[in-house]
Protein backbone atom coordinates (compact mmCIF):
# COMPACT_ATOMS: atom_id res chain seq x y z
CA UNK A 1 0.00 0.00 0.00
CA UNK A 2 1.27 3.42 -0.90
CA UNK A 3 1.47 5.60 2.24
CA UNK A 4 1.61 8.86 0.26
CA UNK A 5 -1.70 8.07 -1.45
CA UNK A 6 -3.41 7.23 1.86
CA UNK A 7 -2.54 10.55 3.54
CA UNK A 8 -2.93 13.71 1.48
CA UNK A 9 -0.07 16.10 2.03
CA UNK A 10 0.31 19.83 2.27
CA UNK A 11 0.05 20.32 -1.49
CA UNK A 12 -3.28 18.50 -1.86
CA UNK A 13 -5.84 20.72 -0.11
CA UNK A 14 -9.37 19.64 0.66
CA UNK A 15 -12.47 21.52 -0.41
CA UNK A 16 -12.84 23.10 3.02
CA UNK A 17 -9.28 24.41 2.87
CA UNK A 18 -9.88 25.93 -0.57
CA UNK A 19 -13.09 27.62 0.64
CA UNK A 20 -11.23 28.80 3.76
CA UNK A 21 -8.57 30.51 1.63
CA UNK A 22 -11.14 32.03 -0.75
CA UNK A 23 -13.24 33.41 2.13
CA UNK A 24 -10.05 34.70 3.76
CA UNK A 25 -9.08 36.58 0.59
CA UNK A 26 -12.60 38.06 0.32
CA UNK A 27 -12.49 39.06 4.00
CA UNK A 28 -9.10 40.70 3.55
CA UNK A 29 -10.37 42.60 0.50
CA UNK A 30 -13.45 43.82 2.41
CA UNK A 31 -11.26 44.93 5.31
CA UNK A 32 -8.94 46.84 2.98
CA UNK A 33 -11.88 48.55 1.28
CA UNK A 34 -13.32 49.38 4.71
CA UNK A 35 -10.21 51.26 5.79
CA UNK A 36 -9.45 52.92 2.45
CA UNK A 37 -12.86 54.23 1.41
CA UNK A 38 -13.63 57.91 1.90
CA UNK A 39 -17.33 57.31 2.56
CA UNK A 40 -17.95 56.59 6.23
CA UNK A 41 -21.21 54.68 5.77
CA UNK A 42 -19.63 52.51 3.07
CA UNK A 43 -16.73 51.83 5.44
CA UNK A 44 -19.16 50.59 8.09
CA UNK A 45 -20.97 48.40 5.57
CA UNK A 46 -17.71 46.90 4.29
CA UNK A 47 -16.85 46.24 7.93
CA UNK A 48 -20.03 44.14 8.09
CA UNK A 49 -18.75 42.09 5.13
CA UNK A 50 -15.32 41.65 6.73
CA UNK A 51 -16.74 40.60 10.10
CA UNK A 52 -19.18 38.27 8.35
CA UNK A 53 -16.24 36.68 6.55
CA UNK A 54 -14.53 36.07 9.88
CA UNK A 55 -17.73 34.38 11.11
CA UNK A 56 -17.70 32.11 8.03
CA UNK A 57 -14.07 31.25 8.78
CA UNK A 58 -15.10 30.22 12.30
CA UNK A 59 -17.84 28.03 10.82
CA UNK A 60 -15.30 26.37 8.54
CA UNK A 61 -13.14 25.68 11.61
CA UNK A 62 -16.19 23.99 13.26
CA UNK A 63 -16.41 26.65 15.98
CA UNK A 64 -20.12 27.32 15.60
CA UNK A 65 -20.57 29.07 18.94
CA UNK A 66 -17.77 31.54 18.25
CA UNK A 67 -19.21 32.15 14.76
CA UNK A 68 -22.61 33.06 16.20
CA UNK A 69 -21.02 35.24 18.85
CA UNK A 70 -19.12 37.00 16.04
CA UNK A 71 -22.36 37.62 14.15
CA UNK A 72 -24.44 38.67 17.15
CA UNK A 73 -21.91 40.85 18.96
CA UNK A 74 -19.74 42.32 16.23
CA UNK A 75 -21.98 42.39 13.18
CA UNK A 76 -25.22 42.81 15.10
CA UNK A 77 -24.11 45.21 17.82
CA UNK A 78 -20.82 46.94 17.18
CA UNK A 79 -21.50 47.81 13.54
CA UNK A 80 -25.04 48.93 14.38
CA UNK A 81 -23.55 51.09 17.14
CA UNK A 82 -21.09 52.59 14.65
CA UNK A 83 -23.89 53.30 12.17
CA UNK A 84 -26.04 54.89 14.89
CA UNK A 85 -23.03 56.96 15.94
CA UNK A 86 -22.57 58.13 12.35
CA UNK A 87 -26.24 59.02 12.05
CA UNK A 88 -26.58 60.69 15.44
CA UNK A 89 -23.46 62.83 15.06
CA UNK A 90 -24.55 63.97 11.61
CA UNK A 91 -21.45 62.61 9.89
CA UNK A 92 -21.36 63.22 6.14
CA UNK A 93 -23.16 60.52 4.17
CA UNK A 94 -21.31 61.04 0.88
CA UNK A 95 -17.61 61.43 0.18
CA UNK A 96 -15.85 63.06 3.10
CA UNK A 97 -12.89 65.25 2.15
CA UNK A 98 -11.49 65.15 5.67
CA UNK A 99 -11.46 61.31 5.76
CA UNK A 100 -8.03 61.30 4.12
CA UNK A 101 -5.16 63.02 5.88
CA UNK A 102 -2.57 62.36 3.18
CA UNK A 103 -0.41 60.20 5.44
CA UNK A 104 -0.96 56.98 3.51
CA UNK A 105 2.73 56.03 3.35
CA UNK A 106 3.19 56.43 7.11
CA UNK A 107 -0.07 54.58 7.79
CA UNK A 108 1.00 51.73 5.49
CA UNK A 109 4.38 51.48 7.24
CA UNK A 110 2.73 51.37 10.66
CA UNK A 111 0.19 48.77 9.45
CA UNK A 112 2.90 46.52 7.99
CA UNK A 113 4.99 46.84 11.17
CA UNK A 114 1.98 46.08 13.36
CA UNK A 115 0.98 43.07 11.22
CA UNK A 116 4.55 41.73 11.25
CA UNK A 117 4.76 42.14 15.02
CA UNK A 118 1.40 40.42 15.49
CA UNK A 119 2.40 37.47 13.29
CA UNK A 120 5.75 37.16 15.09
CA UNK A 121 4.09 37.23 18.55
CA UNK A 122 1.45 34.64 17.61
CA UNK A 123 3.96 32.29 15.98
CA UNK A 124 6.33 32.64 18.94
CA UNK A 125 3.54 32.10 21.48
CA UNK A 126 2.16 28.94 19.87
CA UNK A 127 5.40 27.42 18.58
CA UNK A 128 5.42 24.60 21.12
CA UNK A 129 1.65 24.26 21.60
CA UNK A 130 0.10 20.90 20.87
CA UNK A 131 -3.58 20.27 20.29
CA UNK A 132 -5.19 17.54 22.38
CA UNK A 133 -7.26 15.69 19.80
CA UNK A 134 -8.73 13.32 22.40
CA UNK A 135 -10.14 16.10 24.60
CA UNK A 136 -13.14 18.36 24.04
CA UNK A 137 -13.04 20.45 20.89
CA UNK A 138 -11.65 23.93 21.54
CA UNK A 139 -14.46 25.61 19.61
CA UNK A 140 -17.22 23.73 21.41
CA UNK A 141 -19.76 25.56 23.48
CA UNK A 142 -18.74 23.77 26.70
CA UNK A 143 -15.05 24.66 26.48
CA UNK A 144 -15.73 28.20 25.29
CA UNK A 145 -18.25 28.81 28.08
CA UNK A 146 -15.88 27.51 30.73
CA UNK A 147 -13.03 29.71 29.50
CA UNK A 148 -15.26 32.76 29.05
CA UNK A 149 -16.92 32.60 32.46
CA UNK A 150 -13.81 31.61 34.39
CA UNK A 151 -11.17 33.91 32.92
CA UNK A 152 -12.85 36.61 30.80
CA UNK A 153 -15.91 37.74 32.78
CA UNK A 154 -14.45 41.09 33.86
CA UNK A 155 -13.16 42.17 30.41
CA UNK A 156 -16.46 41.03 28.83
CA UNK A 157 -18.49 43.17 31.24
CA UNK A 158 -16.07 46.11 30.90
CA UNK A 159 -16.58 45.99 27.13
CA UNK A 160 -20.35 46.10 27.56
CA UNK A 161 -20.05 49.16 29.83
CA UNK A 162 -17.71 50.81 27.31
CA UNK A 163 -20.19 50.22 24.46
CA UNK A 164 -23.02 51.59 26.58
CA UNK A 165 -20.96 54.69 27.40
CA UNK A 166 -20.21 55.18 23.69
CA UNK A 167 -23.91 54.96 22.85
CA UNK A 168 -24.85 57.44 25.59
CA UNK A 169 -22.04 59.75 24.45
CA UNK A 170 -23.30 59.66 20.85
CA UNK A 171 -26.81 60.52 22.02
CA UNK A 172 -25.56 63.38 24.19
CA UNK A 173 -23.46 64.80 21.34
CA UNK A 174 -26.35 64.61 18.91
CA UNK A 175 -28.88 66.44 21.06
CA UNK A 176 -29.67 69.93 19.96
CA UNK A 177 -29.02 72.72 22.41
CA UNK A 178 -32.58 74.03 22.04
CA UNK A 179 -33.02 74.96 25.70
CA UNK A 180 -30.12 77.39 25.78
CA UNK A 181 -30.84 81.05 26.23
CA UNK A 182 -29.30 83.49 23.74
CA UNK A 183 -25.77 84.39 24.80
CA UNK A 184 -25.29 81.23 26.95
CA UNK A 185 -22.78 78.53 26.20
C-alpha atoms as a PDB file:
ATOM      1  CA  UNK A   1       0.000   0.000   0.000  1.00  0.00           C
ATOM      2  CA  UNK A   2       1.272   3.419  -0.901  1.00  0.00           C
ATOM      3  CA  UNK A   3       1.468   5.598   2.239  1.00  0.00           C
ATOM      4  CA  UNK A   4       1.614   8.858   0.262  1.00  0.00           C
ATOM      5  CA  UNK A   5      -1.700   8.074  -1.446  1.00  0.00           C
ATOM      6  CA  UNK A   6      -3.414   7.228   1.861  1.00  0.00           C
ATOM      7  CA  UNK A   7      -2.540  10.546   3.542  1.00  0.00           C
ATOM      8  CA  UNK A   8      -2.928  13.713   1.478  1.00  0.00           C
ATOM      9  CA  UNK A   9      -0.070  16.098   2.033  1.00  0.00           C
ATOM     10  CA  UNK A  10       0.307  19.833   2.266  1.00  0.00           C
ATOM     11  CA  UNK A  11       0.052  20.317  -1.488  1.00  0.00           C
ATOM     12  CA  UNK A  12      -3.275  18.497  -1.864  1.00  0.00           C
ATOM     13  CA  UNK A  13      -5.836  20.721  -0.107  1.00  0.00           C
ATOM     14  CA  UNK A  14      -9.367  19.637   0.660  1.00  0.00           C
ATOM     15  CA  UNK A  15     -12.472  21.523  -0.414  1.00  0.00           C
ATOM     16  CA  UNK A  16     -12.839  23.099   3.023  1.00  0.00           C
ATOM     17  CA  UNK A  17      -9.281  24.408   2.874  1.00  0.00           C
ATOM     18  CA  UNK A  18      -9.875  25.927  -0.566  1.00  0.00           C
ATOM     19  CA  UNK A  19     -13.086  27.616   0.636  1.00  0.00           C
ATOM     20  CA  UNK A  20     -11.226  28.804   3.759  1.00  0.00           C
ATOM     21  CA  UNK A  21      -8.572  30.509   1.630  1.00  0.00           C
ATOM     22  CA  UNK A  22     -11.141  32.031  -0.746  1.00  0.00           C
ATOM     23  CA  UNK A  23     -13.236  33.411   2.125  1.00  0.00           C
ATOM     24  CA  UNK A  24     -10.048  34.695   3.756  1.00  0.00           C
ATOM     25  CA  UNK A  25      -9.083  36.577   0.589  1.00  0.00           C
ATOM     26  CA  UNK A  26     -12.596  38.055   0.317  1.00  0.00           C
ATOM     27  CA  UNK A  27     -12.495  39.057   3.999  1.00  0.00           C
ATOM     28  CA  UNK A  28      -9.104  40.702   3.553  1.00  0.00           C
ATOM     29  CA  UNK A  29     -10.367  42.598   0.496  1.00  0.00           C
ATOM     30  CA  UNK A  30     -13.452  43.819   2.406  1.00  0.00           C
ATOM     31  CA  UNK A  31     -11.262  44.933   5.313  1.00  0.00           C
ATOM     32  CA  UNK A  32      -8.937  46.838   2.977  1.00  0.00           C
ATOM     33  CA  UNK A  33     -11.876  48.548   1.276  1.00  0.00           C
ATOM     34  CA  UNK A  34     -13.318  49.381   4.706  1.00  0.00           C
ATOM     35  CA  UNK A  35     -10.205  51.255   5.786  1.00  0.00           C
ATOM     36  CA  UNK A  36      -9.448  52.922   2.450  1.00  0.00           C
ATOM     37  CA  UNK A  37     -12.861  54.230   1.411  1.00  0.00           C
ATOM     38  CA  UNK A  38     -13.633  57.909   1.897  1.00  0.00           C
ATOM     39  CA  UNK A  39     -17.330  57.311   2.563  1.00  0.00           C
ATOM     40  CA  UNK A  40     -17.954  56.591   6.234  1.00  0.00           C
ATOM     41  CA  UNK A  41     -21.211  54.683   5.771  1.00  0.00           C
ATOM     42  CA  UNK A  42     -19.626  52.512   3.070  1.00  0.00           C
ATOM     43  CA  UNK A  43     -16.727  51.829   5.436  1.00  0.00           C
ATOM     44  CA  UNK A  44     -19.161  50.593   8.093  1.00  0.00           C
ATOM     45  CA  UNK A  45     -20.973  48.398   5.573  1.00  0.00           C
ATOM     46  CA  UNK A  46     -17.710  46.904   4.285  1.00  0.00           C
ATOM     47  CA  UNK A  47     -16.850  46.242   7.930  1.00  0.00           C
ATOM     48  CA  UNK A  48     -20.026  44.137   8.091  1.00  0.00           C
ATOM     49  CA  UNK A  49     -18.751  42.089   5.133  1.00  0.00           C
ATOM     50  CA  UNK A  50     -15.316  41.648   6.731  1.00  0.00           C
ATOM     51  CA  UNK A  51     -16.739  40.604  10.100  1.00  0.00           C
ATOM     52  CA  UNK A  52     -19.183  38.266   8.355  1.00  0.00           C
ATOM     53  CA  UNK A  53     -16.243  36.681   6.547  1.00  0.00           C
ATOM     54  CA  UNK A  54     -14.534  36.071   9.882  1.00  0.00           C
ATOM     55  CA  UNK A  55     -17.734  34.377  11.107  1.00  0.00           C
ATOM     56  CA  UNK A  56     -17.696  32.112   8.030  1.00  0.00           C
ATOM     57  CA  UNK A  57     -14.066  31.248   8.784  1.00  0.00           C
ATOM     58  CA  UNK A  58     -15.100  30.217  12.303  1.00  0.00           C
ATOM     59  CA  UNK A  59     -17.836  28.027  10.824  1.00  0.00           C
ATOM     60  CA  UNK A  60     -15.299  26.371   8.538  1.00  0.00           C
ATOM     61  CA  UNK A  61     -13.140  25.677  11.613  1.00  0.00           C
ATOM     62  CA  UNK A  62     -16.192  23.992  13.257  1.00  0.00           C
ATOM     63  CA  UNK A  63     -16.414  26.653  15.975  1.00  0.00           C
ATOM     64  CA  UNK A  64     -20.124  27.320  15.597  1.00  0.00           C
ATOM     65  CA  UNK A  65     -20.574  29.066  18.938  1.00  0.00           C
ATOM     66  CA  UNK A  66     -17.771  31.541  18.247  1.00  0.00           C
ATOM     67  CA  UNK A  67     -19.215  32.149  14.759  1.00  0.00           C
ATOM     68  CA  UNK A  68     -22.612  33.064  16.197  1.00  0.00           C
ATOM     69  CA  UNK A  69     -21.016  35.245  18.850  1.00  0.00           C
ATOM     70  CA  UNK A  70     -19.121  36.998  16.040  1.00  0.00           C
ATOM     71  CA  UNK A  71     -22.359  37.615  14.153  1.00  0.00           C
ATOM     72  CA  UNK A  72     -24.435  38.669  17.152  1.00  0.00           C
ATOM     73  CA  UNK A  73     -21.908  40.845  18.959  1.00  0.00           C
ATOM     74  CA  UNK A  74     -19.738  42.318  16.232  1.00  0.00           C
ATOM     75  CA  UNK A  75     -21.985  42.389  13.177  1.00  0.00           C
ATOM     76  CA  UNK A  76     -25.215  42.805  15.103  1.00  0.00           C
ATOM     77  CA  UNK A  77     -24.112  45.207  17.824  1.00  0.00           C
ATOM     78  CA  UNK A  78     -20.824  46.938  17.178  1.00  0.00           C
ATOM     79  CA  UNK A  79     -21.504  47.812  13.539  1.00  0.00           C
ATOM     80  CA  UNK A  80     -25.043  48.934  14.379  1.00  0.00           C
ATOM     81  CA  UNK A  81     -23.550  51.091  17.143  1.00  0.00           C
ATOM     82  CA  UNK A  82     -21.089  52.589  14.649  1.00  0.00           C
ATOM     83  CA  UNK A  83     -23.894  53.299  12.167  1.00  0.00           C
ATOM     84  CA  UNK A  84     -26.037  54.892  14.885  1.00  0.00           C
ATOM     85  CA  UNK A  85     -23.029  56.959  15.938  1.00  0.00           C
ATOM     86  CA  UNK A  86     -22.572  58.132  12.354  1.00  0.00           C
ATOM     87  CA  UNK A  87     -26.238  59.015  12.047  1.00  0.00           C
ATOM     88  CA  UNK A  88     -26.575  60.688  15.436  1.00  0.00           C
ATOM     89  CA  UNK A  89     -23.461  62.828  15.063  1.00  0.00           C
ATOM     90  CA  UNK A  90     -24.547  63.972  11.606  1.00  0.00           C
ATOM     91  CA  UNK A  91     -21.448  62.605   9.891  1.00  0.00           C
ATOM     92  CA  UNK A  92     -21.358  63.220   6.142  1.00  0.00           C
ATOM     93  CA  UNK A  93     -23.156  60.523   4.169  1.00  0.00           C
ATOM     94  CA  UNK A  94     -21.308  61.042   0.881  1.00  0.00           C
ATOM     95  CA  UNK A  95     -17.606  61.432   0.184  1.00  0.00           C
ATOM     96  CA  UNK A  96     -15.846  63.056   3.101  1.00  0.00           C
ATOM     97  CA  UNK A  97     -12.891  65.249   2.146  1.00  0.00           C
ATOM     98  CA  UNK A  98     -11.491  65.147   5.670  1.00  0.00           C
ATOM     99  CA  UNK A  99     -11.455  61.315   5.762  1.00  0.00           C
ATOM    100  CA  UNK A 100      -8.026  61.300   4.115  1.00  0.00           C
ATOM    101  CA  UNK A 101      -5.158  63.020   5.884  1.00  0.00           C
ATOM    102  CA  UNK A 102      -2.570  62.358   3.176  1.00  0.00           C
ATOM    103  CA  UNK A 103      -0.410  60.198   5.438  1.00  0.00           C
ATOM    104  CA  UNK A 104      -0.960  56.975   3.508  1.00  0.00           C
ATOM    105  CA  UNK A 105       2.726  56.030   3.351  1.00  0.00           C
ATOM    106  CA  UNK A 106       3.192  56.434   7.109  1.00  0.00           C
ATOM    107  CA  UNK A 107      -0.067  54.584   7.789  1.00  0.00           C
ATOM    108  CA  UNK A 108       1.000  51.731   5.495  1.00  0.00           C
ATOM    109  CA  UNK A 109       4.384  51.484   7.238  1.00  0.00           C
ATOM    110  CA  UNK A 110       2.731  51.368  10.664  1.00  0.00           C
ATOM    111  CA  UNK A 111       0.190  48.773   9.451  1.00  0.00           C
ATOM    112  CA  UNK A 112       2.903  46.521   7.995  1.00  0.00           C
ATOM    113  CA  UNK A 113       4.993  46.838  11.168  1.00  0.00           C
ATOM    114  CA  UNK A 114       1.975  46.076  13.363  1.00  0.00           C
ATOM    115  CA  UNK A 115       0.984  43.074  11.223  1.00  0.00           C
ATOM    116  CA  UNK A 116       4.546  41.727  11.252  1.00  0.00           C
ATOM    117  CA  UNK A 117       4.761  42.135  15.023  1.00  0.00           C
ATOM    118  CA  UNK A 118       1.400  40.419  15.488  1.00  0.00           C
ATOM    119  CA  UNK A 119       2.401  37.470  13.295  1.00  0.00           C
ATOM    120  CA  UNK A 120       5.748  37.157  15.095  1.00  0.00           C
ATOM    121  CA  UNK A 121       4.089  37.235  18.551  1.00  0.00           C
ATOM    122  CA  UNK A 122       1.446  34.642  17.606  1.00  0.00           C
ATOM    123  CA  UNK A 123       3.965  32.293  15.975  1.00  0.00           C
ATOM    124  CA  UNK A 124       6.325  32.636  18.937  1.00  0.00           C
ATOM    125  CA  UNK A 125       3.537  32.102  21.481  1.00  0.00           C
ATOM    126  CA  UNK A 126       2.161  28.945  19.866  1.00  0.00           C
ATOM    127  CA  UNK A 127       5.397  27.422  18.575  1.00  0.00           C
ATOM    128  CA  UNK A 128       5.418  24.602  21.120  1.00  0.00           C
ATOM    129  CA  UNK A 129       1.648  24.264  21.602  1.00  0.00           C
ATOM    130  CA  UNK A 130       0.101  20.900  20.866  1.00  0.00           C
ATOM    131  CA  UNK A 131      -3.582  20.269  20.293  1.00  0.00           C
ATOM    132  CA  UNK A 132      -5.186  17.537  22.383  1.00  0.00           C
ATOM    133  CA  UNK A 133      -7.257  15.692  19.795  1.00  0.00           C
ATOM    134  CA  UNK A 134      -8.727  13.325  22.401  1.00  0.00           C
ATOM    135  CA  UNK A 135     -10.144  16.100  24.600  1.00  0.00           C
ATOM    136  CA  UNK A 136     -13.135  18.355  24.037  1.00  0.00           C
ATOM    137  CA  UNK A 137     -13.045  20.446  20.891  1.00  0.00           C
ATOM    138  CA  UNK A 138     -11.652  23.926  21.543  1.00  0.00           C
ATOM    139  CA  UNK A 139     -14.456  25.613  19.614  1.00  0.00           C
ATOM    140  CA  UNK A 140     -17.216  23.726  21.411  1.00  0.00           C
ATOM    141  CA  UNK A 141     -19.761  25.560  23.484  1.00  0.00           C
ATOM    142  CA  UNK A 142     -18.739  23.772  26.699  1.00  0.00           C
ATOM    143  CA  UNK A 143     -15.048  24.660  26.475  1.00  0.00           C
ATOM    144  CA  UNK A 144     -15.733  28.205  25.288  1.00  0.00           C
ATOM    145  CA  UNK A 145     -18.251  28.814  28.082  1.00  0.00           C
ATOM    146  CA  UNK A 146     -15.878  27.510  30.734  1.00  0.00           C
ATOM    147  CA  UNK A 147     -13.028  29.714  29.500  1.00  0.00           C
ATOM    148  CA  UNK A 148     -15.264  32.759  29.055  1.00  0.00           C
ATOM    149  CA  UNK A 149     -16.923  32.602  32.464  1.00  0.00           C
ATOM    150  CA  UNK A 150     -13.809  31.609  34.392  1.00  0.00           C
ATOM    151  CA  UNK A 151     -11.175  33.907  32.920  1.00  0.00           C
ATOM    152  CA  UNK A 152     -12.852  36.606  30.801  1.00  0.00           C
ATOM    153  CA  UNK A 153     -15.912  37.742  32.775  1.00  0.00           C
ATOM    154  CA  UNK A 154     -14.453  41.094  33.862  1.00  0.00           C
ATOM    155  CA  UNK A 155     -13.163  42.173  30.406  1.00  0.00           C
ATOM    156  CA  UNK A 156     -16.456  41.035  28.834  1.00  0.00           C
ATOM    157  CA  UNK A 157     -18.487  43.170  31.240  1.00  0.00           C
ATOM    158  CA  UNK A 158     -16.071  46.106  30.898  1.00  0.00           C
ATOM    159  CA  UNK A 159     -16.576  45.993  27.128  1.00  0.00           C
ATOM    160  CA  UNK A 160     -20.350  46.096  27.561  1.00  0.00           C
ATOM    161  CA  UNK A 161     -20.054  49.158  29.831  1.00  0.00           C
ATOM    162  CA  UNK A 162     -17.711  50.811  27.306  1.00  0.00           C
ATOM    163  CA  UNK A 163     -20.185  50.218  24.461  1.00  0.00           C
ATOM    164  CA  UNK A 164     -23.022  51.588  26.583  1.00  0.00           C
ATOM    165  CA  UNK A 165     -20.957  54.694  27.400  1.00  0.00           C
ATOM    166  CA  UNK A 166     -20.206  55.178  23.690  1.00  0.00           C
ATOM    167  CA  UNK A 167     -23.910  54.956  22.850  1.00  0.00           C
ATOM    168  CA  UNK A 168     -24.851  57.441  25.592  1.00  0.00           C
ATOM    169  CA  UNK A 169     -22.041  59.747  24.449  1.00  0.00           C
ATOM    170  CA  UNK A 170     -23.300  59.660  20.852  1.00  0.00           C
ATOM    171  CA  UNK A 171     -26.813  60.521  22.017  1.00  0.00           C
ATOM    172  CA  UNK A 172     -25.558  63.385  24.187  1.00  0.00           C
ATOM    173  CA  UNK A 173     -23.455  64.796  21.339  1.00  0.00           C
ATOM    174  CA  UNK A 174     -26.352  64.612  18.913  1.00  0.00           C
ATOM    175  CA  UNK A 175     -28.878  66.436  21.063  1.00  0.00           C
ATOM    176  CA  UNK A 176     -29.671  69.927  19.965  1.00  0.00           C
ATOM    177  CA  UNK A 177     -29.020  72.717  22.406  1.00  0.00           C
ATOM    178  CA  UNK A 178     -32.576  74.031  22.045  1.00  0.00           C
ATOM    179  CA  UNK A 179     -33.023  74.955  25.696  1.00  0.00           C
ATOM    180  CA  UNK A 180     -30.122  77.387  25.782  1.00  0.00           C
ATOM    181  CA  UNK A 181     -30.837  81.050  26.229  1.00  0.00           C
ATOM    182  CA  UNK A 182     -29.297  83.493  23.742  1.00  0.00           C
ATOM    183  CA  UNK A 183     -25.768  84.389  24.795  1.00  0.00           C
ATOM    184  CA  UNK A 184     -25.287  81.233  26.953  1.00  0.00           C
ATOM    185  CA  UNK A 185     -22.784  78.531  26.198  1.00  0.00           C
END
